[in-house]
């Protein structure tokens, strides 16, 4: 199956499934999220630079907000504060243009489906707007029952729970799967679950940060996987 698709190094050799992260992997969306998070915190007088959003991408919303409060105020946010900040972030990002899928992501996914790979999405997002767009933009490639979102886990990335949940739901073993991630915490999550992890660097972080997070390979564009 996979031998026809790849590789001198056979990244997908003997694999049965591919687990994609969403933002920054399937969608050119991280710039919007970085601006929205930073602006939402700024609205409440709290500093959260956009670069730090990239470093913490993949966390659940509550985990992100608590992290910022711990660093700035040495305490967790209250439930009211979490709701206020996340609501403001949601309000801000709703005014931005819709993020577009990466063309190379759809092309890769189509190739994988033809060859019989199980395709899953593992994302920290829990907003219907983005999950509904995912199903529409990748119609015929992704189904609702093959999405693990922030709603499905107690512990977000970098905890392994998101990818362990995907393994359990898919019935696949860790050594039968490739994860495609773009964020340090996502890479750590996938590696903690024992899964081979490709990092695609679509953001502003240096490659070394993705390597240091445990990525097995680091690439600049998903189209490179056609030659691996």
N, C-alpha and C. Protein backbone atom coordinates (compact mmCIF):
# COMPACT_ATOMS: atom_id res chain seq x y z
N UNK A 1 0.84 -1.20 0.00
CA UNK A 1 0.00 0.00 0.00
C UNK A 1 0.88 1.24 0.00
N UNK A 2 1.59 1.50 1.12
CA UNK A 2 2.36 2.73 1.23
C UNK A 2 3.60 2.72 0.36
N UNK A 3 4.10 1.52 0.00
CA UNK A 3 5.31 1.45 -0.80
C UNK A 3 5.14 2.18 -2.13
N UNK A 4 3.94 2.24 -2.65
CA UNK A 4 3.69 2.92 -3.91
C UNK A 4 3.75 4.43 -3.75
N UNK A 5 3.63 4.91 -2.52
CA UNK A 5 3.52 6.34 -2.27
C UNK A 5 4.85 6.99 -1.94
N UNK A 6 5.69 6.29 -1.23
CA UNK A 6 6.86 6.92 -0.72
C UNK A 6 8.10 6.18 -1.14
N UNK A 7 9.03 6.35 -0.96
CA UNK A 7 10.08 6.90 -0.24
C UNK A 7 11.37 6.21 -0.33
N UNK A 8 12.40 6.93 -0.38
CA UNK A 8 13.68 6.36 0.01
C UNK A 8 13.70 6.00 1.49
N UNK A 9 13.20 6.87 2.37
CA UNK A 9 13.27 6.56 3.80
C UNK A 9 11.98 5.95 4.34
N UNK A 10 10.96 5.85 3.48
CA UNK A 10 9.75 5.10 3.80
C UNK A 10 9.08 5.56 5.09
N UNK A 11 8.80 6.85 5.15
CA UNK A 11 8.13 7.40 6.32
C UNK A 11 6.81 6.70 6.59
N UNK A 12 6.07 6.36 5.54
CA UNK A 12 4.76 5.75 5.72
C UNK A 12 4.78 4.23 5.55
N UNK A 13 5.96 3.65 5.40
CA UNK A 13 6.07 2.21 5.19
C UNK A 13 5.50 1.46 6.39
N UNK A 14 4.63 0.50 6.10
CA UNK A 14 3.99 -0.34 7.11
C UNK A 14 3.05 0.43 8.03
N UNK A 15 2.69 1.66 7.65
CA UNK A 15 1.73 2.42 8.44
C UNK A 15 0.32 2.22 7.89
N UNK A 16 -0.66 2.42 8.75
CA UNK A 16 -2.05 2.26 8.35
C UNK A 16 -2.87 3.54 8.52
N UNK A 17 -2.37 4.48 9.31
CA UNK A 17 -3.13 5.69 9.57
C UNK A 17 -2.26 6.92 9.66
N UNK A 18 -2.85 8.07 9.39
CA UNK A 18 -2.17 9.35 9.53
C UNK A 18 -3.07 10.27 10.35
N UNK A 19 -2.52 10.79 11.43
CA UNK A 19 -3.24 11.71 12.31
C UNK A 19 -2.73 13.12 12.05
N UNK A 20 -3.59 13.99 11.56
CA UNK A 20 -3.24 15.38 11.27
C UNK A 20 -3.67 16.29 12.40
N UNK A 21 -2.79 17.21 12.81
CA UNK A 21 -3.24 18.37 13.57
C UNK A 21 -4.00 19.27 12.60
N UNK A 22 -4.73 20.26 13.11
CA UNK A 22 -5.54 21.10 12.23
C UNK A 22 -4.88 22.46 11.95
N UNK A 23 -4.86 23.34 12.93
CA UNK A 23 -4.33 24.69 12.70
C UNK A 23 -2.82 24.63 12.45
N UNK A 24 -2.40 25.25 11.36
CA UNK A 24 -0.98 25.25 11.02
C UNK A 24 -0.53 24.04 10.24
N UNK A 25 -1.39 23.02 10.14
CA UNK A 25 -1.09 21.83 9.34
C UNK A 25 -2.05 21.72 8.17
N UNK A 26 -3.34 21.73 8.47
CA UNK A 26 -4.35 21.70 7.42
C UNK A 26 -4.75 23.10 6.98
N UNK A 27 -4.66 24.06 7.90
CA UNK A 27 -5.09 25.43 7.62
C UNK A 27 -3.97 26.43 7.90
N UNK A 28 -3.91 27.45 7.06
CA UNK A 28 -3.00 28.57 7.28
C UNK A 28 -3.67 29.55 8.23
N UNK A 29 -3.81 29.14 9.48
CA UNK A 29 -4.67 29.83 10.43
C UNK A 29 -3.96 30.32 11.68
N UNK A 30 -2.73 29.91 11.90
CA UNK A 30 -2.09 30.23 13.18
C UNK A 30 -1.86 31.72 13.37
N UNK A 31 -1.64 32.45 12.29
CA UNK A 31 -1.47 33.89 12.41
C UNK A 31 -2.70 34.54 13.02
N UNK A 32 -3.89 34.10 12.58
CA UNK A 32 -5.14 34.62 13.13
C UNK A 32 -5.27 34.28 14.62
N UNK A 33 -4.98 33.03 14.95
CA UNK A 33 -5.12 32.60 16.35
C UNK A 33 -4.14 33.36 17.25
N UNK A 34 -2.92 33.57 16.75
CA UNK A 34 -1.92 34.28 17.54
C UNK A 34 -2.37 35.71 17.83
N UNK A 35 -2.87 36.39 16.80
CA UNK A 35 -3.35 37.76 16.98
C UNK A 35 -4.56 37.81 17.91
N UNK A 36 -5.47 36.86 17.74
CA UNK A 36 -6.69 36.86 18.54
C UNK A 36 -6.40 36.59 20.01
N UNK A 37 -5.56 35.61 20.30
CA UNK A 37 -5.22 35.32 21.69
C UNK A 37 -4.52 36.52 22.32
N UNK A 38 -3.53 37.07 21.62
CA UNK A 38 -2.78 38.19 22.16
C UNK A 38 -3.70 39.39 22.42
N UNK A 39 -4.59 39.66 21.47
CA UNK A 39 -5.52 40.79 21.62
C UNK A 39 -6.52 40.56 22.74
N UNK A 40 -6.97 39.33 22.89
CA UNK A 40 -7.95 39.03 23.95
C UNK A 40 -7.34 39.26 25.33
N UNK A 41 -6.14 38.78 25.52
CA UNK A 41 -5.47 39.01 26.81
C UNK A 41 -5.20 40.49 27.02
N UNK A 42 -4.77 41.16 25.96
CA UNK A 42 -4.49 42.60 26.06
C UNK A 42 -5.73 43.37 26.49
N UNK A 43 -6.89 42.92 26.03
CA UNK A 43 -8.15 43.58 26.40
C UNK A 43 -8.35 43.58 27.91
N UNK A 44 -7.80 42.55 28.58
CA UNK A 44 -7.94 42.45 30.03
C UNK A 44 -6.66 42.87 30.76
N UNK A 45 -5.78 43.55 30.01
CA UNK A 45 -4.57 44.09 30.62
C UNK A 45 -3.48 43.08 30.91
N UNK A 46 -3.48 41.99 30.17
CA UNK A 46 -2.50 40.92 30.40
C UNK A 46 -1.66 40.74 29.14
N UNK A 47 -0.35 40.64 29.30
CA UNK A 47 0.56 40.50 28.17
C UNK A 47 0.71 39.03 27.77
N UNK A 48 0.45 38.75 26.51
CA UNK A 48 0.66 37.40 25.97
C UNK A 48 1.13 37.57 24.53
N UNK A 49 2.46 37.71 24.32
CA UNK A 49 2.99 37.96 22.98
C UNK A 49 2.61 36.87 21.99
N UNK A 50 2.49 37.27 20.72
CA UNK A 50 2.08 36.31 19.70
C UNK A 50 3.04 35.13 19.59
N UNK A 51 4.32 35.36 19.77
CA UNK A 51 5.27 34.25 19.70
C UNK A 51 4.96 33.18 20.73
N UNK A 52 4.48 33.61 21.90
CA UNK A 52 4.15 32.64 22.94
C UNK A 52 2.93 31.81 22.57
N UNK A 53 2.07 32.35 21.73
CA UNK A 53 0.92 31.57 21.25
C UNK A 53 1.43 30.38 20.45
N UNK A 54 2.43 30.62 19.59
CA UNK A 54 2.99 29.53 18.79
C UNK A 54 3.65 28.48 19.68
N UNK A 55 4.32 28.93 20.73
CA UNK A 55 4.96 27.98 21.64
C UNK A 55 3.93 27.14 22.38
N UNK A 56 2.75 27.69 22.61
CA UNK A 56 1.73 26.99 23.41
C UNK A 56 0.56 26.47 22.59
N UNK A 57 0.70 26.53 21.29
CA UNK A 57 -0.37 26.01 20.41
C UNK A 57 -0.66 24.56 20.74
N UNK A 58 -1.94 24.23 20.77
CA UNK A 58 -2.35 22.85 21.04
C UNK A 58 -2.94 22.66 22.42
N UNK A 59 -2.67 23.60 23.30
CA UNK A 59 -3.30 23.51 24.62
C UNK A 59 -4.80 23.75 24.48
N UNK A 60 -5.56 23.22 25.43
CA UNK A 60 -6.96 23.61 25.51
C UNK A 60 -7.04 25.08 25.90
N UNK A 61 -8.18 25.72 25.66
CA UNK A 61 -8.33 27.13 25.98
C UNK A 61 -8.11 27.40 27.46
N UNK A 62 -8.69 26.57 28.32
CA UNK A 62 -8.55 26.79 29.76
C UNK A 62 -7.11 26.61 30.21
N UNK A 63 -6.42 25.65 29.61
CA UNK A 63 -5.01 25.43 29.96
C UNK A 63 -4.16 26.62 29.53
N UNK A 64 -4.44 27.16 28.35
CA UNK A 64 -3.71 28.33 27.88
C UNK A 64 -3.92 29.52 28.82
N UNK A 65 -5.16 29.76 29.17
CA UNK A 65 -5.48 30.91 30.03
C UNK A 65 -4.87 30.73 31.42
N UNK A 66 -4.94 29.52 31.95
CA UNK A 66 -4.34 29.28 33.27
C UNK A 66 -2.82 29.46 33.23
N UNK A 67 -2.21 29.01 32.15
CA UNK A 67 -0.76 29.17 32.01
C UNK A 67 -0.37 30.65 32.07
N UNK A 68 -1.10 31.47 31.32
CA UNK A 68 -0.80 32.90 31.29
C UNK A 68 -1.03 33.54 32.66
N UNK A 69 -2.08 33.15 33.35
CA UNK A 69 -2.34 33.69 34.68
C UNK A 69 -1.27 33.24 35.67
N UNK A 70 -0.82 32.01 35.55
CA UNK A 70 0.23 31.53 36.45
C UNK A 70 1.52 32.31 36.24
N UNK A 71 1.82 32.63 34.99
CA UNK A 71 3.05 33.35 34.69
C UNK A 71 2.96 34.83 35.06
N UNK A 72 1.75 35.39 34.96
CA UNK A 72 1.59 36.83 35.20
C UNK A 72 1.09 37.16 36.60
N UNK A 73 0.29 36.25 37.18
CA UNK A 73 -0.33 36.58 38.46
C UNK A 73 -0.14 35.49 39.53
N UNK A 74 0.66 34.48 39.18
CA UNK A 74 0.97 33.39 40.13
C UNK A 74 -0.28 32.69 40.66
N UNK A 75 -1.27 32.54 39.80
CA UNK A 75 -2.49 31.82 40.20
C UNK A 75 -3.21 31.35 38.96
N UNK A 76 -4.13 30.42 39.13
CA UNK A 76 -5.00 30.02 38.03
C UNK A 76 -6.10 31.06 37.84
N UNK A 77 -6.61 31.12 36.64
CA UNK A 77 -7.75 32.00 36.37
C UNK A 77 -9.01 31.40 36.98
N UNK A 78 -9.95 32.23 37.33
CA UNK A 78 -11.24 31.75 37.79
C UNK A 78 -12.05 31.28 36.58
N UNK A 79 -13.12 30.55 36.85
CA UNK A 79 -13.98 30.11 35.75
C UNK A 79 -14.55 31.31 34.99
N UNK A 80 -14.88 32.36 35.72
CA UNK A 80 -15.41 33.56 35.08
C UNK A 80 -14.37 34.20 34.18
N UNK A 81 -13.13 34.28 34.64
CA UNK A 81 -12.06 34.86 33.83
C UNK A 81 -11.78 34.03 32.59
N UNK A 82 -11.80 32.72 32.75
CA UNK A 82 -11.60 31.84 31.59
C UNK A 82 -12.69 32.08 30.55
N UNK A 83 -13.93 32.14 31.03
CA UNK A 83 -15.04 32.36 30.11
C UNK A 83 -14.94 33.73 29.42
N UNK A 84 -14.58 34.75 30.17
CA UNK A 84 -14.49 36.09 29.61
C UNK A 84 -13.39 36.19 28.55
N UNK A 85 -12.22 35.65 28.86
CA UNK A 85 -11.10 35.76 27.93
C UNK A 85 -11.33 34.91 26.69
N UNK A 86 -11.83 33.70 26.87
CA UNK A 86 -12.07 32.85 25.71
C UNK A 86 -13.19 33.40 24.84
N UNK A 87 -14.21 33.96 25.48
CA UNK A 87 -15.29 34.58 24.71
C UNK A 87 -14.77 35.76 23.90
N UNK A 88 -13.87 36.55 24.49
CA UNK A 88 -13.28 37.68 23.77
C UNK A 88 -12.42 37.19 22.61
N UNK A 89 -11.66 36.14 22.84
CA UNK A 89 -10.84 35.57 21.75
C UNK A 89 -11.73 35.08 20.62
N UNK A 90 -12.81 34.40 20.95
CA UNK A 90 -13.75 33.90 19.95
C UNK A 90 -14.39 35.06 19.19
N UNK A 91 -14.73 36.11 19.90
CA UNK A 91 -15.34 37.29 19.27
C UNK A 91 -14.35 37.95 18.30
N UNK A 92 -13.11 38.06 18.70
CA UNK A 92 -12.10 38.70 17.86
C UNK A 92 -11.84 37.89 16.59
N UNK A 93 -11.65 36.60 16.74
CA UNK A 93 -11.29 35.79 15.58
C UNK A 93 -12.46 35.64 14.61
N UNK A 94 -13.68 35.81 15.12
CA UNK A 94 -14.86 35.74 14.25
C UNK A 94 -14.87 36.87 13.23
N UNK A 95 -14.18 37.96 13.53
CA UNK A 95 -14.13 39.10 12.61
C UNK A 95 -13.03 38.97 11.57
N UNK A 96 -12.17 37.99 11.71
CA UNK A 96 -11.09 37.80 10.74
C UNK A 96 -11.60 37.03 9.52
N UNK A 97 -10.92 37.16 8.39
CA UNK A 97 -11.30 36.35 7.22
C UNK A 97 -11.16 34.86 7.54
N UNK A 98 -11.92 34.04 6.85
CA UNK A 98 -11.80 32.60 7.04
C UNK A 98 -10.41 32.13 6.62
N UNK A 99 -9.82 31.29 7.46
CA UNK A 99 -8.52 30.71 7.12
C UNK A 99 -8.68 29.72 5.97
N UNK A 100 -7.70 29.68 5.10
CA UNK A 100 -7.76 28.81 3.93
C UNK A 100 -6.95 27.54 4.17
N UNK A 101 -7.42 26.42 3.65
CA UNK A 101 -6.64 25.19 3.77
C UNK A 101 -5.36 25.30 2.93
N UNK A 102 -4.31 24.65 3.41
CA UNK A 102 -3.11 24.53 2.61
C UNK A 102 -3.40 23.58 1.44
N UNK A 103 -3.08 24.00 0.22
CA UNK A 103 -3.32 23.15 -0.95
C UNK A 103 -2.57 21.83 -0.83
N UNK A 104 -1.37 21.88 -0.31
CA UNK A 104 -0.57 20.66 -0.20
C UNK A 104 -1.18 19.69 0.81
N UNK A 105 -1.93 20.21 1.79
CA UNK A 105 -2.56 19.33 2.78
C UNK A 105 -3.67 18.51 2.13
N UNK A 106 -4.49 19.17 1.33
CA UNK A 106 -5.58 18.46 0.67
C UNK A 106 -5.04 17.46 -0.34
N UNK A 107 -4.01 17.84 -1.06
CA UNK A 107 -3.41 16.95 -2.05
C UNK A 107 -2.83 15.71 -1.38
N UNK A 108 -2.12 15.91 -0.27
CA UNK A 108 -1.56 14.78 0.46
C UNK A 108 -2.65 13.88 0.99
N UNK A 109 -3.68 14.47 1.56
CA UNK A 109 -4.77 13.69 2.13
C UNK A 109 -5.48 12.87 1.05
N UNK A 110 -5.68 13.45 -0.12
CA UNK A 110 -6.30 12.71 -1.23
C UNK A 110 -5.45 11.51 -1.62
N UNK A 111 -4.13 11.69 -1.67
CA UNK A 111 -3.24 10.59 -2.01
C UNK A 111 -3.30 9.49 -0.96
N UNK A 112 -3.31 9.90 0.29
CA UNK A 112 -3.37 8.92 1.38
C UNK A 112 -4.67 8.12 1.35
N UNK A 113 -5.78 8.81 1.08
CA UNK A 113 -7.07 8.12 1.05
C UNK A 113 -7.11 7.10 -0.08
N UNK A 114 -6.60 7.47 -1.24
CA UNK A 114 -6.59 6.54 -2.37
C UNK A 114 -5.83 5.26 -2.00
N UNK A 115 -4.79 5.42 -1.21
CA UNK A 115 -3.97 4.27 -0.85
C UNK A 115 -4.48 3.53 0.38
N UNK A 116 -5.60 3.98 0.93
CA UNK A 116 -6.24 3.22 1.99
C UNK A 116 -5.84 3.58 3.40
N UNK A 117 -5.12 4.67 3.59
CA UNK A 117 -4.77 5.09 4.94
C UNK A 117 -6.00 5.61 5.68
N UNK A 118 -6.07 5.30 6.96
CA UNK A 118 -7.10 5.90 7.82
C UNK A 118 -6.65 7.32 8.17
N UNK A 119 -7.52 8.28 7.93
CA UNK A 119 -7.19 9.69 8.15
C UNK A 119 -7.98 10.23 9.34
N UNK A 120 -7.26 10.78 10.29
CA UNK A 120 -7.87 11.37 11.48
C UNK A 120 -7.34 12.78 11.68
N UNK A 121 -8.11 13.59 12.40
CA UNK A 121 -7.66 14.92 12.80
C UNK A 121 -7.69 14.98 14.32
N UNK A 122 -6.59 15.45 14.90
CA UNK A 122 -6.47 15.58 16.35
C UNK A 122 -6.14 17.03 16.66
N UNK A 123 -7.12 17.76 17.17
CA UNK A 123 -6.98 19.20 17.37
C UNK A 123 -7.40 19.62 18.76
N UNK A 124 -6.78 20.68 19.26
CA UNK A 124 -7.18 21.24 20.54
C UNK A 124 -8.41 22.12 20.42
N UNK A 125 -8.80 22.45 19.19
CA UNK A 125 -9.96 23.31 18.98
C UNK A 125 -11.24 22.59 19.36
N UNK A 126 -12.19 23.38 19.86
CA UNK A 126 -13.51 22.81 20.17
C UNK A 126 -14.63 23.69 19.61
N UNK A 127 -14.27 24.66 18.77
CA UNK A 127 -15.27 25.58 18.24
C UNK A 127 -15.95 25.00 17.01
N UNK A 128 -17.27 25.00 17.02
CA UNK A 128 -18.03 24.45 15.91
C UNK A 128 -17.69 25.11 14.58
N UNK A 129 -17.43 26.42 14.62
CA UNK A 129 -17.11 27.14 13.39
C UNK A 129 -15.97 26.48 12.64
N UNK A 130 -14.92 26.11 13.37
CA UNK A 130 -13.74 25.55 12.72
C UNK A 130 -13.93 24.08 12.39
N UNK A 131 -14.61 23.34 13.24
CA UNK A 131 -14.83 21.93 12.97
C UNK A 131 -15.80 21.74 11.80
N UNK A 132 -16.80 22.60 11.71
CA UNK A 132 -17.73 22.53 10.58
C UNK A 132 -17.01 22.88 9.27
N UNK A 133 -16.14 23.89 9.33
CA UNK A 133 -15.37 24.27 8.14
C UNK A 133 -14.46 23.13 7.70
N UNK A 134 -13.89 22.44 8.66
CA UNK A 134 -13.02 21.31 8.37
C UNK A 134 -13.75 20.25 7.55
N UNK A 135 -14.95 19.92 7.97
CA UNK A 135 -15.74 18.90 7.26
C UNK A 135 -16.14 19.37 5.87
N UNK A 136 -16.38 20.66 5.73
CA UNK A 136 -16.76 21.21 4.43
C UNK A 136 -15.57 21.30 3.49
N UNK A 137 -14.45 21.82 3.99
CA UNK A 137 -13.28 22.03 3.15
C UNK A 137 -12.60 20.72 2.75
N UNK A 138 -12.74 19.71 3.60
CA UNK A 138 -12.12 18.41 3.31
C UNK A 138 -13.22 17.35 3.15
N UNK A 139 -14.28 17.75 2.48
CA UNK A 139 -15.42 16.86 2.25
C UNK A 139 -14.97 15.58 1.55
N UNK A 140 -15.39 14.46 2.09
CA UNK A 140 -15.03 13.17 1.51
C UNK A 140 -13.70 12.65 2.00
N UNK A 141 -12.96 13.46 2.74
CA UNK A 141 -11.65 13.06 3.24
C UNK A 141 -11.64 12.91 4.76
N UNK A 142 -12.48 13.70 5.43
CA UNK A 142 -12.56 13.68 6.89
C UNK A 142 -14.01 13.52 7.30
N UNK A 143 -14.26 12.69 8.29
CA UNK A 143 -15.61 12.51 8.81
C UNK A 143 -15.65 12.91 10.28
N UNK A 144 -16.81 13.27 10.75
CA UNK A 144 -16.97 13.75 12.13
C UNK A 144 -16.47 12.73 13.14
N UNK A 145 -16.70 11.45 12.86
CA UNK A 145 -16.30 10.43 13.83
C UNK A 145 -14.82 10.14 13.83
N UNK A 146 -14.08 10.84 12.96
CA UNK A 146 -12.62 10.68 12.95
C UNK A 146 -11.92 12.00 13.32
N UNK A 147 -12.59 12.78 14.15
CA UNK A 147 -12.01 14.00 14.68
C UNK A 147 -11.94 13.88 16.20
N UNK A 148 -10.77 14.09 16.77
CA UNK A 148 -10.61 14.21 18.21
C UNK A 148 -10.36 15.69 18.49
N UNK A 149 -11.31 16.33 19.17
CA UNK A 149 -11.22 17.76 19.43
C UNK A 149 -10.97 18.01 20.92
N UNK A 150 -10.89 19.28 21.28
CA UNK A 150 -10.69 19.64 22.68
C UNK A 150 -11.82 19.16 23.57
N UNK A 151 -12.99 18.89 22.98
CA UNK A 151 -14.12 18.42 23.76
C UNK A 151 -13.96 16.97 24.21
N UNK A 152 -13.07 16.24 23.54
CA UNK A 152 -12.97 14.81 23.76
C UNK A 152 -11.92 14.42 24.79
N UNK A 153 -11.21 15.41 25.32
CA UNK A 153 -10.12 15.09 26.23
C UNK A 153 -10.20 15.95 27.48
N UNK A 154 -9.62 15.44 28.55
CA UNK A 154 -9.47 16.20 29.79
C UNK A 154 -8.17 16.97 29.77
N UNK A 155 -7.14 16.33 29.25
CA UNK A 155 -5.81 16.94 29.20
C UNK A 155 -5.43 17.19 27.73
N UNK A 156 -5.20 18.44 27.41
CA UNK A 156 -4.78 18.77 26.05
C UNK A 156 -3.29 18.55 25.85
N UNK A 157 -2.83 18.83 24.64
CA UNK A 157 -1.41 18.76 24.34
C UNK A 157 -0.67 19.74 25.26
N UNK A 158 0.51 19.37 25.79
CA UNK A 158 1.43 18.29 25.40
C UNK A 158 1.16 16.93 26.05
N UNK A 159 0.10 16.83 26.84
CA UNK A 159 -0.27 15.53 27.40
C UNK A 159 -0.57 14.58 26.24
N UNK A 160 -0.23 13.30 26.37
CA UNK A 160 -0.49 12.35 25.28
C UNK A 160 -1.95 12.00 25.07
N UNK A 161 -2.85 12.43 25.97
CA UNK A 161 -4.24 12.01 25.89
C UNK A 161 -4.88 12.23 24.52
N UNK A 162 -4.69 13.39 23.85
CA UNK A 162 -5.34 13.56 22.54
C UNK A 162 -4.98 12.45 21.55
N UNK A 163 -3.70 12.11 21.48
CA UNK A 163 -3.29 11.08 20.52
C UNK A 163 -3.58 9.67 21.01
N UNK A 164 -3.54 9.47 22.32
CA UNK A 164 -3.96 8.18 22.85
C UNK A 164 -5.45 7.95 22.60
N UNK A 165 -6.23 9.02 22.69
CA UNK A 165 -7.66 8.92 22.40
C UNK A 165 -7.89 8.56 20.94
N UNK A 166 -7.13 9.18 20.04
CA UNK A 166 -7.25 8.86 18.61
C UNK A 166 -6.85 7.42 18.34
N UNK A 167 -5.81 6.94 19.00
CA UNK A 167 -5.42 5.55 18.84
C UNK A 167 -6.53 4.61 19.31
N UNK A 168 -7.09 4.91 20.46
CA UNK A 168 -8.15 4.05 21.01
C UNK A 168 -9.37 4.03 20.10
N UNK A 169 -9.77 5.20 19.60
CA UNK A 169 -10.96 5.27 18.76
C UNK A 169 -10.73 4.63 17.39
N UNK A 170 -9.51 4.76 16.89
CA UNK A 170 -9.21 4.24 15.55
C UNK A 170 -8.94 2.74 15.55
N UNK A 171 -8.56 2.22 16.71
CA UNK A 171 -8.18 0.81 16.79
C UNK A 171 -6.79 0.54 16.26
N UNK A 172 -6.04 1.60 15.98
CA UNK A 172 -4.68 1.46 15.47
C UNK A 172 -3.67 1.46 16.61
N UNK A 173 -2.53 0.82 16.36
CA UNK A 173 -1.44 0.84 17.32
C UNK A 173 -0.50 2.00 17.01
N UNK A 174 0.24 2.43 18.01
CA UNK A 174 1.12 3.58 17.84
C UNK A 174 2.10 3.39 16.69
N UNK A 175 2.62 2.18 16.52
CA UNK A 175 3.61 1.97 15.46
C UNK A 175 2.97 1.80 14.08
N UNK A 176 1.64 1.92 14.01
CA UNK A 176 0.95 1.86 12.72
C UNK A 176 0.56 3.24 12.21
N UNK A 177 0.97 4.29 12.92
CA UNK A 177 0.48 5.64 12.65
C UNK A 177 1.63 6.62 12.46
N UNK A 178 1.39 7.62 11.61
CA UNK A 178 2.25 8.79 11.50
C UNK A 178 1.42 10.00 11.94
N UNK A 179 2.00 10.84 12.77
CA UNK A 179 1.38 12.11 13.15
C UNK A 179 2.03 13.24 12.36
N UNK A 180 1.22 14.18 11.90
CA UNK A 180 1.75 15.38 11.26
C UNK A 180 1.34 16.57 12.10
N UNK A 181 2.33 17.25 12.65
CA UNK A 181 2.14 18.35 13.60
C UNK A 181 2.95 19.56 13.15
N UNK A 182 2.65 20.71 13.73
CA UNK A 182 3.42 21.91 13.45
C UNK A 182 3.90 22.61 14.70
N UNK A 183 3.45 22.15 15.87
CA UNK A 183 3.68 22.89 17.11
C UNK A 183 4.47 22.06 18.11
N UNK A 184 5.32 22.72 18.91
CA UNK A 184 6.11 21.98 19.90
C UNK A 184 5.28 21.10 20.82
N UNK A 185 4.17 21.65 21.36
CA UNK A 185 3.37 20.86 22.30
C UNK A 185 2.68 19.69 21.61
N UNK A 186 2.29 19.88 20.37
CA UNK A 186 1.68 18.79 19.62
C UNK A 186 2.66 17.68 19.35
N UNK A 187 3.89 18.07 19.02
CA UNK A 187 4.94 17.07 18.81
C UNK A 187 5.19 16.29 20.09
N UNK A 188 5.29 17.01 21.20
CA UNK A 188 5.51 16.33 22.49
C UNK A 188 4.38 15.38 22.82
N UNK A 189 3.16 15.79 22.52
CA UNK A 189 1.99 14.95 22.78
C UNK A 189 2.06 13.66 21.97
N UNK A 190 2.35 13.79 20.69
CA UNK A 190 2.41 12.62 19.81
C UNK A 190 3.54 11.68 20.20
N UNK A 191 4.69 12.25 20.51
CA UNK A 191 5.84 11.41 20.88
C UNK A 191 5.60 10.72 22.21
N UNK A 192 4.92 11.41 23.14
CA UNK A 192 4.59 10.79 24.43
C UNK A 192 3.62 9.62 24.25
N UNK A 193 2.85 9.66 23.16
CA UNK A 193 1.95 8.56 22.84
C UNK A 193 2.66 7.47 22.04
N UNK A 194 3.94 7.68 21.74
CA UNK A 194 4.74 6.66 21.07
C UNK A 194 4.61 6.64 19.56
N UNK A 195 4.24 7.77 18.96
CA UNK A 195 3.95 7.80 17.53
C UNK A 195 5.04 8.56 16.76
N UNK A 196 5.41 8.02 15.60
CA UNK A 196 6.35 8.69 14.70
C UNK A 196 5.74 10.01 14.27
N UNK A 197 6.53 11.10 14.36
CA UNK A 197 5.96 12.43 14.17
C UNK A 197 6.74 13.27 13.17
N UNK A 198 6.01 13.71 12.15
CA UNK A 198 6.54 14.64 11.16
C UNK A 198 6.14 16.05 11.58
N UNK A 199 7.09 16.97 11.63
CA UNK A 199 6.80 18.37 11.94
C UNK A 199 6.87 19.18 10.65
N UNK A 200 5.81 19.90 10.34
CA UNK A 200 5.81 20.81 9.20
C UNK A 200 5.84 22.22 9.75
N UNK A 201 6.90 22.95 9.43
CA UNK A 201 7.10 24.27 10.03
C UNK A 201 6.45 25.34 9.18
N UNK A 202 5.21 25.65 9.50
CA UNK A 202 4.46 26.68 8.78
C UNK A 202 4.37 27.98 9.56
N UNK A 203 5.01 28.03 10.72
CA UNK A 203 4.88 29.19 11.59
C UNK A 203 6.14 30.01 11.69
N UNK A 204 6.32 30.67 12.84
CA UNK A 204 7.42 31.61 13.02
C UNK A 204 8.54 31.05 13.88
N UNK A 205 8.39 29.85 14.39
CA UNK A 205 9.41 29.27 15.25
C UNK A 205 10.54 28.67 14.43
N UNK A 206 11.73 28.67 15.01
CA UNK A 206 12.89 28.07 14.34
C UNK A 206 12.73 26.56 14.27
N UNK A 207 13.29 25.97 13.22
CA UNK A 207 13.24 24.51 13.07
C UNK A 207 13.77 23.80 14.31
N UNK A 208 14.82 24.37 14.91
CA UNK A 208 15.45 23.69 16.05
C UNK A 208 14.47 23.48 17.20
N UNK A 209 13.49 24.37 17.32
CA UNK A 209 12.51 24.23 18.40
C UNK A 209 11.65 22.99 18.16
N UNK A 210 11.33 22.73 16.90
CA UNK A 210 10.54 21.54 16.57
C UNK A 210 11.38 20.28 16.73
N UNK A 211 12.65 20.34 16.31
CA UNK A 211 13.55 19.20 16.54
C UNK A 211 13.68 18.93 18.04
N UNK A 212 13.90 19.98 18.82
CA UNK A 212 14.10 19.82 20.26
C UNK A 212 12.85 19.29 20.95
N UNK A 213 11.70 19.49 20.33
CA UNK A 213 10.45 18.98 20.90
C UNK A 213 10.28 17.50 20.65
N UNK A 214 11.15 16.93 19.79
CA UNK A 214 11.13 15.49 19.57
C UNK A 214 10.72 15.04 18.19
N UNK A 215 10.54 15.96 17.24
CA UNK A 215 10.12 15.58 15.88
C UNK A 215 11.10 14.59 15.27
N UNK A 216 10.55 13.63 14.54
CA UNK A 216 11.41 12.66 13.85
C UNK A 216 11.98 13.25 12.57
N UNK A 217 11.20 14.07 11.88
CA UNK A 217 11.71 14.85 10.77
C UNK A 217 11.01 16.21 10.79
N UNK A 218 11.64 17.21 10.20
CA UNK A 218 11.07 18.55 10.09
C UNK A 218 11.10 18.96 8.63
N UNK A 219 9.95 19.39 8.12
CA UNK A 219 9.83 19.79 6.72
C UNK A 219 9.20 21.18 6.66
N UNK A 220 9.26 21.81 5.49
CA UNK A 220 8.70 23.15 5.32
C UNK A 220 7.32 23.15 4.70
N UNK A 221 6.97 22.07 4.00
CA UNK A 221 5.69 22.01 3.30
C UNK A 221 5.29 20.55 3.16
N UNK A 222 4.01 20.26 3.27
CA UNK A 222 3.54 18.88 3.18
C UNK A 222 3.81 18.24 1.84
N UNK A 223 4.00 19.05 0.81
CA UNK A 223 4.29 18.48 -0.51
C UNK A 223 5.60 17.70 -0.50
N UNK A 224 6.47 18.01 0.47
CA UNK A 224 7.74 17.27 0.59
C UNK A 224 7.51 15.81 0.92
N UNK A 225 6.39 15.49 1.53
CA UNK A 225 6.13 14.10 1.91
C UNK A 225 5.92 13.21 0.69
N UNK A 226 5.61 13.81 -0.44
CA UNK A 226 5.44 13.03 -1.65
C UNK A 226 6.75 12.44 -2.11
N UNK A 227 7.85 12.95 -1.56
CA UNK A 227 9.16 12.49 -2.00
C UNK A 227 9.93 11.77 -0.90
N UNK A 228 9.28 11.55 0.24
CA UNK A 228 9.96 10.89 1.35
C UNK A 228 9.85 9.38 1.24
